[in-house]
Amino acid sequence: MGSSEQSGGPISFTSPSFTITGASRLSTSPRWDRVDSRSLIALARHVYFNYLSDTPGGHEPFGVVVDPDQPGGRVVFDPPVLLPQEEFVGLELIRGRPGRTRGRWKG
């Protein structure tokens, strides 16, 4: 039994005595110093495009969570809580930048 159960009083909620830097906000990009960006974005694109092909007309995802050391990943629809080894890749990185064309010749 906890102390509040023994005393019969309500459990009081107070603010924590410490804060964890960065815990309250989602990192919008992976830690590029820890990952191979080319393979991470390729893995996230693979997961995202599999979702699009398997779920036509599905909801618009928020992004993709991948573990660079594992195959696969998951599409997320809300800001995720990440495990230490996981990376979040937003749709802006998966889809590429708008207005950027590759090898397009105007003649």
PDB file of N, CA and C in Angstrom:
ATOM      1  N   MET A   1       0.825  -1.191   0.000  1.00  0.00           N
ATOM      2  CA  MET A   1       0.000   0.000   0.000  1.00  0.00           C
ATOM      3  C   MET A   1       0.863   1.246   0.000  1.00  0.00           C
ATOM      4  N   GLY A   2       0.484   2.222  -0.807  1.00  0.00           N
ATOM      5  CA  GLY A   2       1.211   3.475  -0.818  1.00  0.00           C
ATOM      6  C   GLY A   2       0.827   4.337   0.364  1.00  0.00           C
ATOM      7  N   SER A   3       1.585   5.399   0.586  1.00  0.00           N
ATOM      8  CA  SER A   3       1.322   6.251   1.743  1.00  0.00           C
ATOM      9  C   SER A   3      -0.032   6.942   1.646  1.00  0.00           C
ATOM     10  N   SER A   4      -0.503   7.281   0.436  1.00  0.00           N
ATOM     11  CA  SER A   4      -1.804   7.936   0.310  1.00  0.00           C
ATOM     12  C   SER A   4      -2.935   6.962   0.600  1.00  0.00           C
ATOM     13  N   GLU A   5      -2.714   5.667   0.264  1.00  0.00           N
ATOM     14  CA  GLU A   5      -3.746   4.679   0.556  1.00  0.00           C
ATOM     15  C   GLU A   5      -3.845   4.439   2.055  1.00  0.00           C
ATOM     16  N   GLN A   6      -2.709   4.506   2.736  1.00  0.00           N
ATOM     17  CA  GLN A   6      -2.710   4.298   4.179  1.00  0.00           C
ATOM     18  C   GLN A   6      -3.377   5.470   4.893  1.00  0.00           C
ATOM     19  N   SER A   7      -3.111   6.685   4.417  1.00  0.00           N
ATOM     20  CA  SER A   7      -3.663   7.858   5.089  1.00  0.00           C
ATOM     21  C   SER A   7      -5.089   8.151   4.647  1.00  0.00           C
ATOM     22  N   GLY A   8      -5.493   7.606   3.499  1.00  0.00           N
ATOM     23  CA  GLY A   8      -6.834   7.853   3.002  1.00  0.00           C
ATOM     24  C   GLY A   8      -6.966   9.187   2.298  1.00  0.00           C
ATOM     25  N   GLY A   9      -5.882   9.945   2.202  1.00  0.00           N
ATOM     26  CA  GLY A   9      -5.926  11.257   1.554  1.00  0.00           C
ATOM     27  C   GLY A   9      -5.707  11.149   0.055  1.00  0.00           C
ATOM     28  N   PRO A  10      -6.032  12.198  -0.667  1.00  0.00           N
ATOM     29  CA  PRO A  10      -5.843  12.186  -2.119  1.00  0.00           C
ATOM     30  C   PRO A  10      -4.365  12.249  -2.482  1.00  0.00           C
ATOM     31  N   ILE A  11      -4.063  11.747  -3.654  1.00  0.00           N
ATOM     32  CA  ILE A  11      -2.701  11.827  -4.171  1.00  0.00           C
ATOM     33  C   ILE A  11      -2.515  13.227  -4.727  1.00  0.00           C
ATOM     34  N   SER A  12      -1.465  13.906  -4.310  1.00  0.00           N
ATOM     35  CA  SER A  12      -1.236  15.258  -4.824  1.00  0.00           C
ATOM     36  C   SER A  12      -0.246  15.186  -5.982  1.00  0.00           C
ATOM     37  N   PHE A  13      -0.521  15.971  -6.995  1.00  0.00           N
ATOM     38  CA  PHE A  13       0.349  16.048  -8.156  1.00  0.00           C
ATOM     39  C   PHE A  13       1.047  17.396  -8.128  1.00  0.00           C
ATOM     40  N   THR A  14       2.353  17.366  -8.107  1.00  0.00           N
ATOM     41  CA  THR A  14       3.129  18.595  -8.132  1.00  0.00           C
ATOM     42  C   THR A  14       4.025  18.562  -9.347  1.00  0.00           C
ATOM     43  N   SER A  15       4.565  19.695  -9.693  1.00  0.00           N
ATOM     44  CA  SER A  15       5.477  19.729 -10.831  1.00  0.00           C
ATOM     45  C   SER A  15       6.762  19.003 -10.452  1.00  0.00           C
ATOM     46  N   PRO A  16       7.446  18.418 -11.441  1.00  0.00           N
ATOM     47  CA  PRO A  16       8.659  17.655 -11.125  1.00  0.00           C
ATOM     48  C   PRO A  16       9.763  18.554 -10.579  1.00  0.00           C
ATOM     49  N   SER A  17      10.669  17.950  -9.853  1.00  0.00           N
ATOM     50  CA  SER A  17      11.777  18.697  -9.274  1.00  0.00           C
ATOM     51  C   SER A  17      12.916  18.887 -10.272  1.00  0.00           C
ATOM     52  N   PHE A  18      12.766  18.340 -11.474  1.00  0.00           N
ATOM     53  CA  PHE A  18      13.788  18.475 -12.506  1.00  0.00           C
ATOM     54  C   PHE A  18      13.100  18.486 -13.870  1.00  0.00           C
ATOM     55  N   THR A  19      13.818  18.936 -14.871  1.00  0.00           N
ATOM     56  CA  THR A  19      13.294  18.903 -16.237  1.00  0.00           C
ATOM     57  C   THR A  19      14.281  18.169 -17.122  1.00  0.00           C
ATOM     58  N   ILE A  20      13.768  17.556 -18.142  1.00  0.00           N
ATOM     59  CA  ILE A  20      14.599  16.868 -19.121  1.00  0.00           C
ATOM     60  C   ILE A  20      14.612  17.730 -20.370  1.00  0.00           C
ATOM     61  N   THR A  21      15.769  18.250 -20.708  1.00  0.00           N
ATOM     62  CA  THR A  21      15.888  19.130 -21.854  1.00  0.00           C
ATOM     63  C   THR A  21      15.453  18.420 -23.123  1.00  0.00           C
ATOM     64  N   GLY A  22      14.567  19.051 -23.865  1.00  0.00           N
ATOM     65  CA  GLY A  22      14.105  18.497 -25.131  1.00  0.00           C
ATOM     66  C   GLY A  22      12.998  17.483 -25.017  1.00  0.00           C
ATOM     67  N   ALA A  23      12.603  17.108 -23.805  1.00  0.00           N
ATOM     68  CA  ALA A  23      11.576  16.076 -23.651  1.00  0.00           C
ATOM     69  C   ALA A  23      10.192  16.583 -24.001  1.00  0.00           C
ATOM     70  N   SER A  24       9.982  17.871 -23.941  1.00  0.00           N
ATOM     71  CA  SER A  24       8.645  18.401 -24.191  1.00  0.00           C
ATOM     72  C   SER A  24       8.388  18.687 -25.660  1.00  0.00           C
ATOM     73  N   ARG A  25       9.406  18.638 -26.483  1.00  0.00           N
ATOM     74  CA  ARG A  25       9.187  18.942 -27.894  1.00  0.00           C
ATOM     75  C   ARG A  25       9.726  17.816 -28.766  1.00  0.00           C
ATOM     76  N   LEU A  26       9.123  17.682 -29.919  1.00  0.00           N
ATOM     77  CA  LEU A  26       9.528  16.664 -30.873  1.00  0.00           C
ATOM     78  C   LEU A  26      10.639  17.217 -31.747  1.00  0.00           C
ATOM     79  N   SER A  27      11.682  16.468 -31.902  1.00  0.00           N
ATOM     80  CA  SER A  27      12.724  16.848 -32.834  1.00  0.00           C
ATOM     81  C   SER A  27      12.193  16.632 -34.240  1.00  0.00           C
ATOM     82  N   THR A  28      12.264  17.679 -35.054  1.00  0.00           N
ATOM     83  CA  THR A  28      11.695  17.576 -36.391  1.00  0.00           C
ATOM     84  C   THR A  28      12.635  16.942 -37.394  1.00  0.00           C
ATOM     85  N   SER A  29      13.871  16.718 -37.016  1.00  0.00           N
ATOM     86  CA  SER A  29      14.784  16.044 -37.925  1.00  0.00           C
ATOM     87  C   SER A  29      15.684  15.106 -37.129  1.00  0.00           C
ATOM     88  N   PRO A  30      16.152  14.065 -37.785  1.00  0.00           N
ATOM     89  CA  PRO A  30      17.038  13.113 -37.097  1.00  0.00           C
ATOM     90  C   PRO A  30      18.362  13.758 -36.703  1.00  0.00           C
ATOM     91  N   ARG A  31      19.062  13.110 -35.814  1.00  0.00           N
ATOM     92  CA  ARG A  31      20.408  13.538 -35.447  1.00  0.00           C
ATOM     93  C   ARG A  31      21.337  13.111 -36.573  1.00  0.00           C
ATOM     94  N   TRP A  32      21.612  14.011 -37.491  1.00  0.00           N
ATOM     95  CA  TRP A  32      22.378  13.668 -38.690  1.00  0.00           C
ATOM     96  C   TRP A  32      23.797  13.235 -38.367  1.00  0.00           C
ATOM     97  N   ASP A  33      24.315  13.593 -37.205  1.00  0.00           N
ATOM     98  CA  ASP A  33      25.663  13.162 -36.835  1.00  0.00           C
ATOM     99  C   ASP A  33      25.704  11.706 -36.384  1.00  0.00           C
ATOM    100  N   ARG A  34      24.524  11.090 -36.157  1.00  0.00           N
ATOM    101  CA  ARG A  34      24.475   9.705 -35.682  1.00  0.00           C
ATOM    102  C   ARG A  34      23.994   8.718 -36.725  1.00  0.00           C
ATOM    103  N   VAL A  35      23.515   9.189 -37.859  1.00  0.00           N
ATOM    104  CA  VAL A  35      22.899   8.292 -38.836  1.00  0.00           C
ATOM    105  C   VAL A  35      23.445   8.537 -40.235  1.00  0.00           C
ATOM    106  N   ASP A  36      23.254   7.547 -41.090  1.00  0.00           N
ATOM    107  CA  ASP A  36      23.541   7.680 -42.511  1.00  0.00           C
ATOM    108  C   ASP A  36      22.270   8.244 -43.148  1.00  0.00           C
ATOM    109  N   SER A  37      22.304   9.516 -43.502  1.00  0.00           N
ATOM    110  CA  SER A  37      21.085  10.193 -43.962  1.00  0.00           C
ATOM    111  C   SER A  37      20.482   9.545 -45.198  1.00  0.00           C
ATOM    112  N   ARG A  38      21.313   9.112 -46.119  1.00  0.00           N
ATOM    113  CA  ARG A  38      20.797   8.507 -47.353  1.00  0.00           C
ATOM    114  C   ARG A  38      20.003   7.235 -47.059  1.00  0.00           C
ATOM    115  N   SER A  39      20.562   6.353 -46.242  1.00  0.00           N
ATOM    116  CA  SER A  39      19.857   5.099 -45.953  1.00  0.00           C
ATOM    117  C   SER A  39      18.649   5.328 -45.046  1.00  0.00           C
ATOM    118  N   LEU A  40      18.728   6.297 -44.126  1.00  0.00           N
ATOM    119  CA  LEU A  40      17.601   6.586 -43.241  1.00  0.00           C
ATOM    120  C   LEU A  40      16.402   7.120 -44.030  1.00  0.00           C
ATOM    121  N   ILE A  41      16.639   8.071 -44.919  1.00  0.00           N
ATOM    122  CA  ILE A  41      15.547   8.628 -45.724  1.00  0.00           C
ATOM    123  C   ILE A  41      15.021   7.583 -46.695  1.00  0.00           C
ATOM    124  N   ALA A  42      15.902   6.759 -47.255  1.00  0.00           N
ATOM    125  CA  ALA A  42      15.445   5.688 -48.155  1.00  0.00           C
ATOM    126  C   ALA A  42      14.559   4.694 -47.413  1.00  0.00           C
ATOM    127  N   LEU A  43      14.928   4.333 -46.196  1.00  0.00           N
ATOM    128  CA  LEU A  43      14.116   3.419 -45.393  1.00  0.00           C
ATOM    129  C   LEU A  43      12.766   4.049 -45.063  1.00  0.00           C
ATOM    130  N   ALA A  44      12.768   5.320 -44.674  1.00  0.00           N
ATOM    131  CA  ALA A  44      11.514   6.015 -44.358  1.00  0.00           C
ATOM    132  C   ALA A  44      10.624   6.118 -45.595  1.00  0.00           C
ATOM    133  N   ARG A  45      11.206   6.394 -46.752  1.00  0.00           N
ATOM    134  CA  ARG A  45      10.421   6.452 -47.997  1.00  0.00           C
ATOM    135  C   ARG A  45       9.809   5.101 -48.320  1.00  0.00           C
ATOM    136  N   HIS A  46      10.568   4.046 -48.113  1.00  0.00           N
ATOM    137  CA  HIS A  46      10.064   2.694 -48.369  1.00  0.00           C
ATOM    138  C   HIS A  46       8.841   2.406 -47.491  1.00  0.00           C
ATOM    139  N   VAL A  47       8.942   2.727 -46.213  1.00  0.00           N
ATOM    140  CA  VAL A  47       7.826   2.511 -45.283  1.00  0.00           C
ATOM    141  C   VAL A  47       6.629   3.362 -45.693  1.00  0.00           C
ATOM    142  N   TYR A  48       6.871   4.628 -46.007  1.00  0.00           N
ATOM    143  CA  TYR A  48       5.792   5.554 -46.381  1.00  0.00           C
ATOM    144  C   TYR A  48       5.096   5.118 -47.670  1.00  0.00           C
ATOM    145  N   PHE A  49       5.861   4.776 -48.696  1.00  0.00           N
ATOM    146  CA  PHE A  49       5.247   4.397 -49.973  1.00  0.00           C
ATOM    147  C   PHE A  49       4.552   3.044 -49.877  1.00  0.00           C
ATOM    148  N   ASN A  50       5.032   2.145 -49.023  1.00  0.00           N
ATOM    149  CA  ASN A  50       4.284   0.906 -48.760  1.00  0.00           C
ATOM    150  C   ASN A  50       2.940   1.225 -48.121  1.00  0.00           C
ATOM    151  N   TYR A  51       2.930   2.179 -47.187  1.00  0.00           N
ATOM    152  CA  TYR A  51       1.671   2.594 -46.565  1.00  0.00           C
ATOM    153  C   TYR A  51       0.715   3.147 -47.629  1.00  0.00           C
ATOM    154  N   LEU A  52       1.232   4.004 -48.512  1.00  0.00           N
ATOM    155  CA  LEU A  52       0.380   4.598 -49.549  1.00  0.00           C
ATOM    156  C   LEU A  52      -0.183   3.543 -50.492  1.00  0.00           C
ATOM    157  N   SER A  53       0.616   2.557 -50.854  1.00  0.00           N
ATOM    158  CA  SER A  53       0.132   1.534 -51.785  1.00  0.00           C
ATOM    159  C   SER A  53      -0.817   0.548 -51.108  1.00  0.00           C
ATOM    160  N   ASP A  54      -0.622   0.298 -49.813  1.00  0.00           N
ATOM    161  CA  ASP A  54      -1.486  -0.637 -49.087  1.00  0.00           C
ATOM    162  C   ASP A  54      -2.767   0.011 -48.573  1.00  0.00           C
ATOM    163  N   THR A  55      -2.769   1.333 -48.424  1.00  0.00           N
ATOM    164  CA  THR A  55      -3.904   2.037 -47.833  1.00  0.00           C
ATOM    165  C   THR A  55      -4.321   3.199 -48.728  1.00  0.00           C
ATOM    166  N   PRO A  56      -4.911   2.914 -49.884  1.00  0.00           N
ATOM    167  CA  PRO A  56      -5.335   4.028 -50.743  1.00  0.00           C
ATOM    168  C   PRO A  56      -6.441   4.825 -50.058  1.00  0.00           C
ATOM    169  N   GLY A  57      -6.321   6.117 -50.093  1.00  0.00           N
ATOM    170  CA  GLY A  57      -7.324   6.964 -49.464  1.00  0.00           C
ATOM    171  C   GLY A  57      -7.247   6.997 -47.956  1.00  0.00           C
ATOM    172  N   GLY A  58      -6.122   6.567 -47.396  1.00  0.00           N
ATOM    173  CA  GLY A  58      -5.966   6.565 -45.939  1.00  0.00           C
ATOM    174  C   GLY A  58      -5.701   7.964 -45.408  1.00  0.00           C
ATOM    175  N   HIS A  59      -5.597   8.066 -44.110  1.00  0.00           N
ATOM    176  CA  HIS A  59      -5.328   9.349 -43.464  1.00  0.00           C
ATOM    177  C   HIS A  59      -3.919   9.828 -43.789  1.00  0.00           C
ATOM    178  N   GLU A  60      -3.732  11.134 -43.761  1.00  0.00           N
ATOM    179  CA  GLU A  60      -2.422  11.737 -43.997  1.00  0.00           C
ATOM    180  C   GLU A  60      -1.543  11.518 -42.768  1.00  0.00           C
ATOM    181  N   PRO A  61      -0.416  10.824 -42.918  1.00  0.00           N
ATOM    182  CA  PRO A  61       0.440  10.584 -41.752  1.00  0.00           C
ATOM    183  C   PRO A  61       1.222  11.825 -41.344  1.00  0.00           C
ATOM    184  N   PHE A  62       1.715  11.803 -40.127  1.00  0.00           N
ATOM    185  CA  PHE A  62       2.550  12.862 -39.580  1.00  0.00           C
ATOM    186  C   PHE A  62       4.000  12.659 -40.008  1.00  0.00           C
ATOM    187  N   GLY A  63       4.395  11.407 -40.161  1.00  0.00           N
ATOM    188  CA  GLY A  63       5.752  11.063 -40.542  1.00  0.00           C
ATOM    189  C   GLY A  63       5.985   9.581 -40.345  1.00  0.00           C
ATOM    190  N   VAL A  64       7.258   9.201 -40.317  1.00  0.00           N
ATOM    191  CA  VAL A  64       7.638   7.796 -40.181  1.00  0.00           C
ATOM    192  C   VAL A  64       8.681   7.678 -39.073  1.00  0.00           C
ATOM    193  N   VAL A  65       8.549   6.633 -38.272  1.00  0.00           N
ATOM    194  CA  VAL A  65       9.541   6.323 -37.242  1.00  0.00           C
ATOM    195  C   VAL A  65      10.291   5.085 -37.699  1.00  0.00           C
ATOM    196  N   VAL A  66      11.622   5.181 -37.718  1.00  0.00           N
ATOM    197  CA  VAL A  66      12.451   4.050 -38.128  1.00  0.00           C
ATOM    198  C   VAL A  66      13.579   3.854 -37.118  1.00  0.00           C
ATOM    199  N   ASP A  67      14.042   2.627 -37.057  1.00  0.00           N
ATOM    200  CA  ASP A  67      15.242   2.286 -36.303  1.00  0.00           C
ATOM    201  C   ASP A  67      16.295   1.997 -37.364  1.00  0.00           C
ATOM    202  N   PRO A  68      17.333   2.826 -37.477  1.00  0.00           N
ATOM    203  CA  PRO A  68      18.317   2.648 -38.549  1.00  0.00           C
ATOM    204  C   PRO A  68      18.969   1.267 -38.586  1.00  0.00           C
ATOM    205  N   ASP A  69      18.968   0.549 -37.464  1.00  0.00           N
ATOM    206  CA  ASP A  69      19.601  -0.767 -37.408  1.00  0.00           C
ATOM    207  C   ASP A  69      18.640  -1.911 -37.689  1.00  0.00           C
ATOM    208  N   GLN A  70      17.364  -1.605 -37.910  1.00  0.00           N
ATOM    209  CA  GLN A  70      16.347  -2.634 -38.135  1.00  0.00           C
ATOM    210  C   GLN A  70      15.633  -2.373 -39.462  1.00  0.00           C
ATOM    211  N   PRO A  71      15.186  -3.422 -40.131  1.00  0.00           N
ATOM    212  CA  PRO A  71      14.389  -3.211 -41.339  1.00  0.00           C
ATOM    213  C   PRO A  71      12.984  -2.751 -40.957  1.00  0.00           C
ATOM    214  N   GLY A  72      12.371  -1.995 -41.837  1.00  0.00           N
ATOM    215  CA  GLY A  72      10.993  -1.565 -41.595  1.00  0.00           C
ATOM    216  C   GLY A  72      10.912  -0.346 -40.703  1.00  0.00           C
ATOM    217  N   GLY A  73       9.713  -0.038 -40.320  1.00  0.00           N
ATOM    218  CA  GLY A  73       9.426   1.127 -39.496  1.00  0.00           C
ATOM    219  C   GLY A  73       7.922   1.230 -39.362  1.00  0.00           C
ATOM    220  N   ARG A  74       7.458   2.389 -38.900  1.00  0.00           N
ATOM    221  CA  ARG A  74       6.014   2.556 -38.768  1.00  0.00           C
ATOM    222  C   ARG A  74       5.613   3.976 -39.141  1.00  0.00           C
ATOM    223  N   VAL A  75       4.459   4.075 -39.765  1.00  0.00           N
ATOM    224  CA  VAL A  75       3.873   5.359 -40.104  1.00  0.00           C
ATOM    225  C   VAL A  75       3.149   5.850 -38.857  1.00  0.00           C
ATOM    226  N   VAL A  76       3.327   7.128 -38.518  1.00  0.00           N
ATOM    227  CA  VAL A  76       2.677   7.685 -37.333  1.00  0.00           C
ATOM    228  C   VAL A  76       1.777   8.848 -37.737  1.00  0.00           C
ATOM    229  N   PHE A  77       0.714   9.024 -36.978  1.00  0.00           N
ATOM    230  CA  PHE A  77      -0.277  10.050 -37.277  1.00  0.00           C
ATOM    231  C   PHE A  77      -0.304  11.163 -36.241  1.00  0.00           C
ATOM    232  N   ASP A  78       0.457  11.026 -35.183  1.00  0.00           N
ATOM    233  CA  ASP A  78       0.605  12.022 -34.121  1.00  0.00           C
ATOM    234  C   ASP A  78       2.084  12.105 -33.778  1.00  0.00           C
ATOM    235  N   PRO A  79       2.505  13.186 -33.124  1.00  0.00           N
ATOM    236  CA  PRO A  79       3.907  13.244 -32.702  1.00  0.00           C
ATOM    237  C   PRO A  79       4.254  12.023 -31.848  1.00  0.00           C
ATOM    238  N   PRO A  80       5.289  11.273 -32.247  1.00  0.00           N
ATOM    239  CA  PRO A  80       5.598  10.019 -31.554  1.00  0.00           C
ATOM    240  C   PRO A  80       6.481  10.209 -30.326  1.00  0.00           C
ATOM    241  N   VAL A  81       6.439   9.220 -29.470  1.00  0.00           N
ATOM    242  CA  VAL A  81       7.406   9.096 -28.382  1.00  0.00           C
ATOM    243  C   VAL A  81       8.414   8.070 -28.876  1.00  0.00           C
ATOM    244  N   LEU A  82       9.668   8.479 -28.966  1.00  0.00           N
ATOM    245  CA  LEU A  82      10.692   7.632 -29.569  1.00  0.00           C
ATOM    246  C   LEU A  82      11.501   6.875 -28.531  1.00  0.00           C
ATOM    247  N   LEU A  83      11.873   5.660 -28.898  1.00  0.00           N
ATOM    248  CA  LEU A  83      12.866   4.924 -28.130  1.00  0.00           C
ATOM    249  C   LEU A  83      14.231   5.522 -28.459  1.00  0.00           C
ATOM    250  N   PRO A  84      15.239   5.315 -27.627  1.00  0.00           N
ATOM    251  CA  PRO A  84      16.542   5.948 -27.865  1.00  0.00           C
ATOM    252  C   PRO A  84      17.148   5.654 -29.234  1.00  0.00           C
ATOM    253  N   GLN A  85      16.931   4.467 -29.778  1.00  0.00           N
ATOM    254  CA  GLN A  85      17.543   4.111 -31.051  1.00  0.00           C
ATOM    255  C   GLN A  85      16.689   4.518 -32.251  1.00  0.00           C
ATOM    256  N   GLU A  86      15.492   5.021 -32.037  1.00  0.00           N
ATOM    257  CA  GLU A  86      14.595   5.360 -33.137  1.00  0.00           C
ATOM    258  C   GLU A  86      14.809   6.793 -33.612  1.00  0.00           C
ATOM    259  N   GLU A  87      14.452   7.014 -34.872  1.00  0.00           N
ATOM    260  CA  GLU A  87      14.522   8.342 -35.473  1.00  0.00           C
ATOM    261  C   GLU A  87      13.181   8.653 -36.111  1.00  0.00           C
ATOM    262  N   PHE A  88      12.751   9.901 -36.011  1.00  0.00           N
ATOM    263  CA  PHE A  88      11.535  10.360 -36.665  1.00  0.00           C
ATOM    264  C   PHE A  88      11.930  11.073 -37.946  1.00  0.00           C
ATOM    265  N   VAL A  89      11.267  10.723 -39.050  1.00  0.00           N
ATOM    266  CA  VAL A  89      11.503  11.377 -40.333  1.00  0.00           C
ATOM    267  C   VAL A  89      10.175  11.978 -40.773  1.00  0.00           C
ATOM    268  N   GLY A  90      10.145  13.295 -40.884  1.00  0.00           N
ATOM    269  CA  GLY A  90       8.931  14.003 -41.281  1.00  0.00           C
ATOM    270  C   GLY A  90       8.651  13.869 -42.769  1.00  0.00           C
ATOM    271  N   LEU A  91       7.408  14.140 -43.140  1.00  0.00           N
ATOM    272  CA  LEU A  91       7.010  13.996 -44.542  1.00  0.00           C
ATOM    273  C   LEU A  91       7.768  14.936 -45.469  1.00  0.00           C
ATOM    274  N   GLU A  92       8.191  16.096 -44.971  1.00  0.00           N
ATOM    275  CA  GLU A  92       8.925  17.025 -45.837  1.00  0.00           C
ATOM    276  C   GLU A  92      10.246  16.423 -46.304  1.00  0.00           C
ATOM    277  N   LEU A  93      10.860  15.557 -45.498  1.00  0.00           N
ATOM    278  CA  LEU A  93      12.088  14.880 -45.920  1.00  0.00           C
ATOM    279  C   LEU A  93      11.792  13.672 -46.796  1.00  0.00           C
ATOM    280  N   ILE A  94      10.688  13.012 -46.533  1.00  0.00           N
ATOM    281  CA  ILE A  94      10.333  11.816 -47.298  1.00  0.00           C
ATOM    282  C   ILE A  94       9.904  12.186 -48.709  1.00  0.00           C
ATOM    283  N   ARG A  95       9.084  13.208 -48.817  1.00  0.00           N
ATOM    284  CA  ARG A  95       8.563  13.623 -50.129  1.00  0.00           C
ATOM    285  C   ARG A  95       9.576  14.425 -50.926  1.00  0.00           C
ATOM    286  N   GLY A  96      10.529  15.023 -50.271  1.00  0.00           N
ATOM    287  CA  GLY A  96      11.478  15.883 -50.951  1.00  0.00           C
ATOM    288  C   GLY A  96      10.998  17.317 -50.893  1.00  0.00           C
ATOM    289  N   ARG A  97      11.856  18.216 -51.252  1.00  0.00           N
ATOM    290  CA  ARG A  97      11.502  19.634 -51.197  1.00  0.00           C
ATOM    291  C   ARG A  97      10.681  20.033 -52.411  1.00  0.00           C
ATOM    292  N   PRO A  98       9.635  20.840 -52.216  1.00  0.00           N
ATOM    293  CA  PRO A  98       8.838  21.272 -53.364  1.00  0.00           C
ATOM    294  C   PRO A  98       9.632  22.227 -54.246  1.00  0.00           C
ATOM    295  N   GLY A  99       9.377  22.152 -55.530  1.00  0.00           N
ATOM    296  CA  GLY A  99      10.041  23.043 -56.461  1.00  0.00           C
ATOM    297  C   GLY A  99      11.415  22.585 -56.891  1.00  0.00           C
ATOM    298  N   ARG A 100      11.880  21.485 -56.359  1.00  0.00           N
ATOM    299  CA  ARG A 100      13.196  20.979 -56.725  1.00  0.00           C
ATOM    300  C   ARG A 100      13.025  19.946 -57.819  1.00  0.00           C
ATOM    301  N   THR A 101      13.661  20.162 -58.935  1.00  0.00           N
ATOM    302  CA  THR A 101      13.579  19.204 -60.029  1.00  0.00           C
ATOM    303  C   THR A 101      14.956  18.637 -60.287  1.00  0.00           C
ATOM    304  N   ARG A 102      15.005  17.399 -60.658  1.00  0.00           N
ATOM    305  CA  ARG A 102      16.278  16.738 -60.898  1.00  0.00           C
ATOM    306  C   ARG A 102      16.396  16.412 -62.382  1.00  0.00           C
ATOM    307  N   GLY A 103      17.459  16.912 -62.978  1.00  0.00           N
ATOM    308  CA  GLY A 103      17.757  16.560 -64.358  1.00  0.00           C
ATOM    309  C   GLY A 103      16.716  17.028 -65.362  1.00  0.00           C
ATOM    310  N   ARG A 104      16.057  18.094 -65.057  1.00  0.00           N
ATOM    311  CA  ARG A 104      15.044  18.593 -65.976  1.00  0.00           C
ATOM    312  C   ARG A 104      15.671  19.632 -66.882  1.00  0.00           C
ATOM    313  N   TRP A 105      15.563  19.413 -68.153  1.00  0.00           N
ATOM    314  CA  TRP A 105      16.169  20.328 -69.102  1.00  0.00           C
ATOM    315  C   TRP A 105      15.088  21.152 -69.764  1.00  0.00           C
ATOM    316  N   LYS A 106      15.266  22.453 -69.747  1.00  0.00           N
ATOM    317  CA  LYS A 106      14.320  23.340 -70.424  1.00  0.00           C
ATOM    318  C   LYS A 106      15.007  23.860 -71.676  1.00  0.00           C
ATOM    319  N   GLY A 107      14.429  23.532 -72.790  1.00  0.00           N
ATOM    320  CA  GLY A 107      15.109  23.942 -74.000  1.00  0.00           C
ATOM    321  C   GLY A 107      14.297  24.583 -75.012  1.00  0.00           C
TER     322      GLY A 107
END
